[in-house]
Structures are given as C-alpha cells and as structure tokens.
Amino acid sequence: MRLDHLTDVVWRYELLHGVEPSDGADGQVFGQGTAEFIGRLAGTATWANFPRLREGYAFPNAHGSLVVAEDAFVLFTLTGMSALEDGTGVHVMTFRTEHGPHRWLNAVIAVGEGIVDVDTARLSMRYYECTVEVPPDLLSG
C-alpha cells in the first residue's frame, strides 16, 4: 500500500455534549463544528460527530460536507479510534461527490493520524490517500 499526502485538517468543535461511561454502558458524545482542509483536498467543512466512549478510547462516527468551490461540495464519513489519555488518534475517511473535478475522491479511502487538544476542543490531523500496491510475493503464493 502506498500512502500519498491528501490533506491536513484542523477540526474545531463549536458544540460538545457528552455522557460519561458507566458500569456496563459506553459513554456517548455529540459534537459539531467546522474544519479547514489544506492540501490536494482543500476547503471548509461543517460536520457532526457522535462517538462512543469505551475503556479510555473514543470511536468517532462523523459525517459532514466540505465546500470545495462555489456551489460544489464533497460529503464525507469518518470513523476511527482516539486515545482519551493522550489525545492521539487514527481516522479512516471516505467521500462522495458529483463535482467533476473531485469525482476521483469517490474511489478514495484516506487514513489519518493526529492529536486532540482537549483544552481548546481542536483536533489536528494529517490524511493520506491509500493506493493499493500488492506486493509481488503475495501474487506468487
């Protein structure tokens, strides 16, 4: 697999409500906000996230819309896992659009890594486009 830089994103929560985990039950958070995408994929996003909290980790379930040009947008879905103790996390993102210059994103799976600053409710991530490159030794087996 080859990873090519796709975009850097700063996610900012503008609303955040949460229920802490309890005996026998996961916690849950609802948040929404805006984000700036900078790189090959660039624009301003509005999004919402409804992650589960379990055993020191958050499991995001985010969806949003990225404005990439006047009257043009890309919808995205984001999942992953973040450590609540140190804020580090990994995301997987997929995309959907009808906008011609961005249709290539419909076939992209992006992975990202980054960190949450809990004090400022800000998440900084770097995302990479995954390209399949099957190792030759797998083909000969």
N, C-alpha and C. Protein backbone atom coordinates (compact mmCIF):
# COMPACT_ATOMS: atom_id res chain seq x y z
N MET A 1 0.85 -1.17 0.00
CA MET A 1 0.00 0.00 0.00
C MET A 1 0.89 1.23 0.00
N ARG A 2 0.52 2.19 -0.82
CA ARG A 2 1.23 3.46 -0.86
C ARG A 2 0.34 4.52 -0.22
N LEU A 3 0.95 5.38 0.58
CA LEU A 3 0.22 6.49 1.22
C LEU A 3 0.74 7.81 0.65
N ASP A 4 -0.17 8.58 0.02
CA ASP A 4 0.18 9.88 -0.53
C ASP A 4 -0.58 10.96 0.24
N HIS A 5 0.14 12.01 0.62
CA HIS A 5 -0.49 13.10 1.38
C HIS A 5 -1.70 13.63 0.63
N LEU A 6 -2.83 13.71 1.31
CA LEU A 6 -4.07 14.21 0.72
C LEU A 6 -4.43 15.59 1.26
N THR A 7 -4.42 15.72 2.59
CA THR A 7 -4.86 16.98 3.20
C THR A 7 -4.48 17.02 4.67
N ASP A 8 -4.32 18.21 5.20
CA ASP A 8 -4.21 18.45 6.64
C ASP A 8 -5.50 19.12 7.06
N VAL A 9 -6.02 18.69 8.20
CA VAL A 9 -7.31 19.22 8.65
C VAL A 9 -7.22 19.67 10.10
N VAL A 10 -7.76 20.85 10.37
CA VAL A 10 -7.95 21.31 11.74
C VAL A 10 -9.45 21.30 11.98
N TRP A 11 -9.88 20.38 12.87
CA TRP A 11 -11.29 20.25 13.25
C TRP A 11 -11.50 21.07 14.51
N ARG A 12 -12.55 21.88 14.54
CA ARG A 12 -12.86 22.69 15.73
C ARG A 12 -14.30 22.41 16.16
N TYR A 13 -14.43 21.97 17.40
CA TYR A 13 -15.77 21.77 17.97
C TYR A 13 -16.35 23.13 18.35
N GLU A 14 -17.60 23.36 17.96
CA GLU A 14 -18.32 24.55 18.37
C GLU A 14 -19.43 24.21 19.35
N LEU A 15 -19.81 22.93 19.39
CA LEU A 15 -20.80 22.41 20.32
C LEU A 15 -20.34 21.04 20.75
N LEU A 16 -20.41 20.76 22.05
CA LEU A 16 -19.97 19.47 22.55
C LEU A 16 -20.78 19.10 23.79
N HIS A 17 -21.50 17.97 23.70
CA HIS A 17 -22.27 17.45 24.83
C HIS A 17 -21.87 16.00 25.02
N GLY A 18 -21.76 15.55 26.28
CA GLY A 18 -21.33 14.18 26.49
C GLY A 18 -21.93 13.53 27.72
N VAL A 19 -21.98 12.19 27.65
CA VAL A 19 -22.40 11.35 28.77
C VAL A 19 -21.24 10.39 29.03
N GLU A 20 -20.71 10.42 30.24
CA GLU A 20 -19.56 9.57 30.59
C GLU A 20 -19.97 8.10 30.65
N PRO A 21 -19.01 7.18 30.39
CA PRO A 21 -19.30 5.75 30.53
C PRO A 21 -19.70 5.43 31.97
N SER A 22 -20.55 4.44 32.12
CA SER A 22 -20.95 3.98 33.45
C SER A 22 -20.80 2.46 33.49
N ASP A 23 -21.04 1.85 34.64
CA ASP A 23 -20.93 0.40 34.75
C ASP A 23 -21.82 -0.27 33.72
N GLY A 24 -21.21 -1.04 32.86
CA GLY A 24 -21.96 -1.80 31.86
C GLY A 24 -22.46 -1.01 30.67
N ALA A 25 -22.04 0.25 30.54
CA ALA A 25 -22.53 1.05 29.41
C ALA A 25 -21.43 1.96 28.87
N ASP A 26 -21.38 2.11 27.55
CA ASP A 26 -20.46 3.04 26.92
C ASP A 26 -20.91 4.46 27.18
N GLY A 27 -19.97 5.38 27.11
CA GLY A 27 -20.31 6.78 27.10
C GLY A 27 -20.62 7.20 25.67
N GLN A 28 -21.15 8.41 25.53
CA GLN A 28 -21.50 8.91 24.20
C GLN A 28 -21.30 10.42 24.20
N VAL A 29 -20.85 10.93 23.05
CA VAL A 29 -20.65 12.36 22.89
C VAL A 29 -21.35 12.79 21.62
N PHE A 30 -21.89 14.00 21.62
CA PHE A 30 -22.35 14.62 20.38
C PHE A 30 -21.61 15.93 20.24
N GLY A 31 -21.02 16.13 19.07
CA GLY A 31 -20.33 17.37 18.81
C GLY A 31 -20.55 17.81 17.38
N GLN A 32 -20.42 19.10 17.16
CA GLN A 32 -20.47 19.61 15.80
C GLN A 32 -19.54 20.80 15.71
N GLY A 33 -19.12 21.10 14.46
CA GLY A 33 -18.20 22.20 14.30
C GLY A 33 -17.85 22.46 12.86
N THR A 34 -16.70 23.11 12.68
CA THR A 34 -16.19 23.44 11.37
C THR A 34 -14.76 22.92 11.25
N ALA A 35 -14.26 22.85 10.01
CA ALA A 35 -12.91 22.38 9.78
C ALA A 35 -12.33 23.04 8.55
N GLU A 36 -11.02 23.19 8.54
CA GLU A 36 -10.29 23.70 7.38
C GLU A 36 -9.44 22.56 6.82
N PHE A 37 -9.64 22.24 5.53
CA PHE A 37 -8.86 21.24 4.82
C PHE A 37 -7.83 22.00 3.98
N ILE A 38 -6.55 21.62 4.10
CA ILE A 38 -5.47 22.29 3.37
C ILE A 38 -4.62 21.21 2.69
N GLY A 39 -4.45 21.32 1.37
CA GLY A 39 -3.65 20.35 0.62
C GLY A 39 -4.29 20.07 -0.72
N ARG A 40 -4.08 18.86 -1.28
CA ARG A 40 -4.73 18.50 -2.55
C ARG A 40 -6.23 18.57 -2.42
N LEU A 41 -6.75 18.22 -1.26
CA LEU A 41 -8.17 18.37 -0.95
C LEU A 41 -8.29 19.57 -0.02
N ALA A 42 -8.92 20.64 -0.51
CA ALA A 42 -8.95 21.89 0.25
C ALA A 42 -10.36 22.45 0.29
N GLY A 43 -10.68 23.11 1.39
CA GLY A 43 -11.97 23.77 1.54
C GLY A 43 -12.35 23.90 3.00
N THR A 44 -13.59 24.30 3.23
CA THR A 44 -14.12 24.50 4.58
C THR A 44 -15.28 23.53 4.79
N ALA A 45 -15.27 22.85 5.93
CA ALA A 45 -16.29 21.83 6.21
C ALA A 45 -17.15 22.19 7.40
N THR A 46 -18.36 21.68 7.37
CA THR A 46 -19.26 21.66 8.51
C THR A 46 -19.53 20.19 8.78
N TRP A 47 -19.49 19.79 10.05
CA TRP A 47 -19.58 18.37 10.37
C TRP A 47 -20.24 18.15 11.72
N ALA A 48 -20.62 16.89 11.96
CA ALA A 48 -21.14 16.45 13.26
C ALA A 48 -20.51 15.10 13.58
N ASN A 49 -20.29 14.85 14.87
CA ASN A 49 -19.66 13.61 15.33
C ASN A 49 -20.47 13.06 16.50
N PHE A 50 -20.64 11.74 16.52
CA PHE A 50 -21.40 11.06 17.56
C PHE A 50 -20.61 9.85 18.05
N PRO A 51 -19.41 10.09 18.65
CA PRO A 51 -18.55 8.97 19.03
C PRO A 51 -19.00 8.26 20.31
N ARG A 52 -18.68 6.96 20.34
CA ARG A 52 -18.82 6.18 21.57
C ARG A 52 -17.54 6.35 22.38
N LEU A 53 -17.66 6.25 23.70
CA LEU A 53 -16.51 6.26 24.60
C LEU A 53 -16.46 4.92 25.32
N ARG A 54 -15.29 4.26 25.25
CA ARG A 54 -15.19 2.95 25.91
C ARG A 54 -13.74 2.70 26.31
N GLU A 55 -13.54 2.35 27.58
CA GLU A 55 -12.25 1.92 28.12
C GLU A 55 -11.09 2.82 27.71
N GLY A 56 -11.29 4.13 27.82
CA GLY A 56 -10.21 5.08 27.55
C GLY A 56 -10.06 5.48 26.10
N TYR A 57 -11.01 5.09 25.24
CA TYR A 57 -10.93 5.42 23.82
C TYR A 57 -12.25 6.02 23.34
N ALA A 58 -12.13 6.89 22.33
CA ALA A 58 -13.29 7.43 21.63
C ALA A 58 -13.30 6.83 20.23
N PHE A 59 -14.48 6.44 19.76
CA PHE A 59 -14.65 5.84 18.44
C PHE A 59 -15.55 6.76 17.62
N PRO A 60 -14.94 7.65 16.82
CA PRO A 60 -15.73 8.64 16.10
C PRO A 60 -16.67 8.04 15.07
N ASN A 61 -17.76 8.74 14.87
CA ASN A 61 -18.75 8.44 13.83
C ASN A 61 -19.19 9.80 13.30
N ALA A 62 -18.37 10.36 12.41
CA ALA A 62 -18.58 11.73 11.95
C ALA A 62 -19.00 11.76 10.49
N HIS A 63 -19.79 12.77 10.16
CA HIS A 63 -20.27 12.99 8.80
C HIS A 63 -20.27 14.49 8.57
N GLY A 64 -20.00 14.89 7.32
CA GLY A 64 -20.00 16.31 7.05
C GLY A 64 -19.98 16.63 5.58
N SER A 65 -19.92 17.93 5.32
CA SER A 65 -19.91 18.46 3.97
C SER A 65 -18.76 19.44 3.85
N LEU A 66 -17.91 19.22 2.82
CA LEU A 66 -16.75 20.05 2.56
C LEU A 66 -17.02 20.89 1.32
N VAL A 67 -17.04 22.21 1.46
CA VAL A 67 -17.23 23.10 0.31
C VAL A 67 -15.86 23.26 -0.36
N VAL A 68 -15.78 22.81 -1.64
CA VAL A 68 -14.51 22.81 -2.37
C VAL A 68 -14.45 23.89 -3.44
N ALA A 69 -15.59 24.44 -3.81
CA ALA A 69 -15.67 25.51 -4.82
C ALA A 69 -17.07 26.11 -4.70
N GLU A 70 -17.29 27.23 -5.38
CA GLU A 70 -18.61 27.84 -5.34
C GLU A 70 -19.64 26.83 -5.85
N ASP A 71 -20.66 26.57 -5.06
CA ASP A 71 -21.72 25.61 -5.38
C ASP A 71 -21.22 24.18 -5.59
N ALA A 72 -20.06 23.82 -5.02
CA ALA A 72 -19.53 22.46 -5.14
C ALA A 72 -19.13 21.95 -3.77
N PHE A 73 -19.49 20.70 -3.48
CA PHE A 73 -19.20 20.14 -2.17
C PHE A 73 -18.85 18.66 -2.29
N VAL A 74 -18.19 18.17 -1.23
CA VAL A 74 -17.86 16.76 -1.08
C VAL A 74 -18.42 16.32 0.26
N LEU A 75 -19.22 15.27 0.28
CA LEU A 75 -19.69 14.68 1.54
C LEU A 75 -18.64 13.70 2.03
N PHE A 76 -18.50 13.58 3.34
CA PHE A 76 -17.52 12.64 3.87
C PHE A 76 -18.06 11.93 5.10
N THR A 77 -17.48 10.74 5.33
CA THR A 77 -17.77 9.93 6.51
C THR A 77 -16.43 9.61 7.16
N LEU A 78 -16.38 9.67 8.49
CA LEU A 78 -15.14 9.47 9.22
C LEU A 78 -15.38 8.51 10.39
N THR A 79 -14.51 7.51 10.52
CA THR A 79 -14.52 6.60 11.66
C THR A 79 -13.09 6.52 12.19
N GLY A 80 -12.87 5.76 13.26
CA GLY A 80 -11.52 5.59 13.76
C GLY A 80 -11.49 5.29 15.24
N MET A 81 -10.37 5.68 15.87
CA MET A 81 -10.17 5.44 17.29
C MET A 81 -9.17 6.47 17.82
N SER A 82 -9.49 7.08 18.96
CA SER A 82 -8.60 8.05 19.60
C SER A 82 -8.44 7.69 21.06
N ALA A 83 -7.21 7.79 21.56
CA ALA A 83 -6.92 7.54 22.97
C ALA A 83 -7.30 8.78 23.77
N LEU A 84 -8.14 8.61 24.79
CA LEU A 84 -8.57 9.74 25.60
C LEU A 84 -7.45 10.24 26.51
N GLU A 85 -6.51 9.37 26.87
CA GLU A 85 -5.44 9.74 27.78
C GLU A 85 -4.46 10.74 27.17
N ASP A 86 -3.99 10.48 25.93
CA ASP A 86 -3.00 11.39 25.34
C ASP A 86 -3.51 12.12 24.10
N GLY A 87 -4.73 11.83 23.65
CA GLY A 87 -5.34 12.54 22.53
C GLY A 87 -4.94 12.08 21.15
N THR A 88 -4.05 11.10 21.04
CA THR A 88 -3.63 10.63 19.71
C THR A 88 -4.73 9.79 19.09
N GLY A 89 -4.79 9.83 17.75
CA GLY A 89 -5.84 9.06 17.09
C GLY A 89 -5.54 8.73 15.66
N VAL A 90 -6.33 7.78 15.14
CA VAL A 90 -6.27 7.34 13.76
C VAL A 90 -7.68 7.41 13.19
N HIS A 91 -7.81 7.95 11.98
CA HIS A 91 -9.11 8.06 11.30
C HIS A 91 -9.08 7.34 9.96
N VAL A 92 -10.26 6.93 9.52
CA VAL A 92 -10.49 6.45 8.16
C VAL A 92 -11.61 7.30 7.58
N MET A 93 -11.38 7.85 6.37
CA MET A 93 -12.36 8.75 5.78
C MET A 93 -12.68 8.31 4.35
N THR A 94 -13.97 8.38 3.99
CA THR A 94 -14.41 8.14 2.62
C THR A 94 -15.23 9.34 2.16
N PHE A 95 -15.44 9.43 0.84
CA PHE A 95 -16.01 10.63 0.25
C PHE A 95 -17.07 10.29 -0.79
N ARG A 96 -17.98 11.25 -1.04
CA ARG A 96 -18.98 11.17 -2.11
C ARG A 96 -19.19 12.56 -2.67
N THR A 97 -19.15 12.67 -4.02
CA THR A 97 -19.41 13.95 -4.67
C THR A 97 -19.87 13.74 -6.11
N GLU A 98 -20.58 14.72 -6.63
CA GLU A 98 -20.95 14.76 -8.05
C GLU A 98 -20.12 15.79 -8.78
N HIS A 99 -19.30 16.56 -8.06
CA HIS A 99 -18.50 17.64 -8.64
C HIS A 99 -17.37 17.04 -9.48
N GLY A 100 -17.42 17.27 -10.80
CA GLY A 100 -16.50 16.67 -11.75
C GLY A 100 -15.04 16.67 -11.35
N PRO A 101 -14.46 17.82 -11.01
CA PRO A 101 -13.04 17.85 -10.68
C PRO A 101 -12.67 17.06 -9.41
N HIS A 102 -13.67 16.69 -8.60
CA HIS A 102 -13.40 15.96 -7.36
C HIS A 102 -13.95 14.54 -7.35
N ARG A 103 -14.50 14.07 -8.47
CA ARG A 103 -15.09 12.72 -8.51
C ARG A 103 -14.09 11.62 -8.20
N TRP A 104 -12.82 11.86 -8.42
CA TRP A 104 -11.80 10.86 -8.09
C TRP A 104 -11.86 10.48 -6.61
N LEU A 105 -12.37 11.40 -5.77
CA LEU A 105 -12.48 11.11 -4.34
C LEU A 105 -13.48 9.99 -4.04
N ASN A 106 -14.43 9.75 -4.93
CA ASN A 106 -15.42 8.69 -4.71
C ASN A 106 -14.78 7.31 -4.58
N ALA A 107 -13.56 7.15 -5.08
CA ALA A 107 -12.85 5.87 -5.01
C ALA A 107 -11.70 5.90 -4.00
N VAL A 108 -11.63 6.93 -3.17
CA VAL A 108 -10.51 7.08 -2.23
C VAL A 108 -10.91 6.63 -0.83
N ILE A 109 -9.99 5.89 -0.21
CA ILE A 109 -10.03 5.66 1.24
C ILE A 109 -8.82 6.41 1.79
N ALA A 110 -9.07 7.28 2.74
CA ALA A 110 -7.99 8.06 3.36
C ALA A 110 -7.81 7.62 4.81
N VAL A 111 -6.56 7.56 5.23
CA VAL A 111 -6.26 7.29 6.63
C VAL A 111 -5.53 8.51 7.19
N GLY A 112 -5.77 8.79 8.44
CA GLY A 112 -5.16 9.96 9.05
C GLY A 112 -4.69 9.70 10.46
N GLU A 113 -3.74 10.51 10.88
CA GLU A 113 -3.23 10.44 12.24
C GLU A 113 -3.10 11.86 12.78
N GLY A 114 -3.24 11.98 14.09
CA GLY A 114 -3.13 13.30 14.66
C GLY A 114 -3.40 13.30 16.15
N ILE A 115 -3.76 14.47 16.66
CA ILE A 115 -3.91 14.64 18.11
C ILE A 115 -5.01 15.65 18.43
N VAL A 116 -5.69 15.42 19.55
CA VAL A 116 -6.73 16.30 20.05
C VAL A 116 -6.14 17.17 21.16
N ASP A 117 -6.44 18.47 21.13
CA ASP A 117 -6.14 19.37 22.24
C ASP A 117 -7.46 19.57 22.97
N VAL A 118 -7.63 18.85 24.07
CA VAL A 118 -8.89 18.86 24.81
C VAL A 118 -9.23 20.25 25.33
N ASP A 119 -8.22 21.00 25.76
CA ASP A 119 -8.45 22.33 26.33
C ASP A 119 -9.07 23.30 25.33
N THR A 120 -8.70 23.19 24.04
CA THR A 120 -9.21 24.11 23.03
C THR A 120 -10.28 23.47 22.14
N ALA A 121 -10.61 22.17 22.38
CA ALA A 121 -11.57 21.43 21.55
C ALA A 121 -11.18 21.48 20.08
N ARG A 122 -9.89 21.27 19.83
CA ARG A 122 -9.31 21.35 18.48
C ARG A 122 -8.57 20.06 18.17
N LEU A 123 -8.77 19.54 16.98
CA LEU A 123 -8.14 18.30 16.55
C LEU A 123 -7.34 18.57 15.28
N SER A 124 -6.05 18.25 15.29
CA SER A 124 -5.18 18.45 14.12
C SER A 124 -4.82 17.09 13.56
N MET A 125 -5.12 16.88 12.25
CA MET A 125 -4.91 15.57 11.62
C MET A 125 -4.23 15.74 10.27
N ARG A 126 -3.46 14.73 9.88
CA ARG A 126 -2.90 14.63 8.52
C ARG A 126 -3.47 13.36 7.90
N TYR A 127 -4.03 13.50 6.68
CA TYR A 127 -4.67 12.38 5.99
C TYR A 127 -3.90 12.02 4.74
N TYR A 128 -3.89 10.71 4.46
CA TYR A 128 -3.19 10.16 3.32
C TYR A 128 -4.16 9.35 2.46
N GLU A 129 -4.05 9.50 1.14
CA GLU A 129 -4.80 8.66 0.22
C GLU A 129 -4.11 7.30 0.15
N CYS A 130 -4.88 6.23 0.32
CA CYS A 130 -4.34 4.87 0.24
C CYS A 130 -4.45 4.36 -1.19
N THR A 131 -3.34 3.89 -1.74
CA THR A 131 -3.32 3.31 -3.07
C THR A 131 -2.84 1.87 -2.95
N VAL A 132 -3.59 0.95 -3.52
CA VAL A 132 -3.24 -0.47 -3.43
C VAL A 132 -2.03 -0.75 -4.30
N GLU A 133 -1.03 -1.36 -3.71
CA GLU A 133 0.15 -1.86 -4.42
C GLU A 133 0.43 -3.25 -3.86
N VAL A 134 -0.11 -4.25 -4.50
CA VAL A 134 0.02 -5.62 -4.00
C VAL A 134 1.48 -6.05 -4.10
N PRO A 135 2.08 -6.49 -2.98
CA PRO A 135 3.47 -6.97 -3.03
C PRO A 135 3.57 -8.20 -3.92
N PRO A 136 4.62 -8.27 -4.75
CA PRO A 136 4.77 -9.40 -5.69
C PRO A 136 4.75 -10.77 -5.02
N ASP A 137 5.28 -10.87 -3.79
CA ASP A 137 5.31 -12.17 -3.13
C ASP A 137 3.90 -12.67 -2.77
N LEU A 138 2.93 -11.78 -2.66
CA LEU A 138 1.55 -12.22 -2.42
C LEU A 138 0.92 -12.80 -3.67
N LEU A 139 1.37 -12.32 -4.82
CA LEU A 139 0.84 -12.79 -6.10
C LEU A 139 1.35 -14.18 -6.46
N SER A 140 2.54 -14.51 -5.98
CA SER A 140 3.14 -15.80 -6.34
C SER A 140 2.77 -16.92 -5.39
N GLY A 141 2.07 -16.59 -4.33
CA GLY A 141 1.74 -17.60 -3.31
C GLY A 141 0.59 -18.38 -3.65
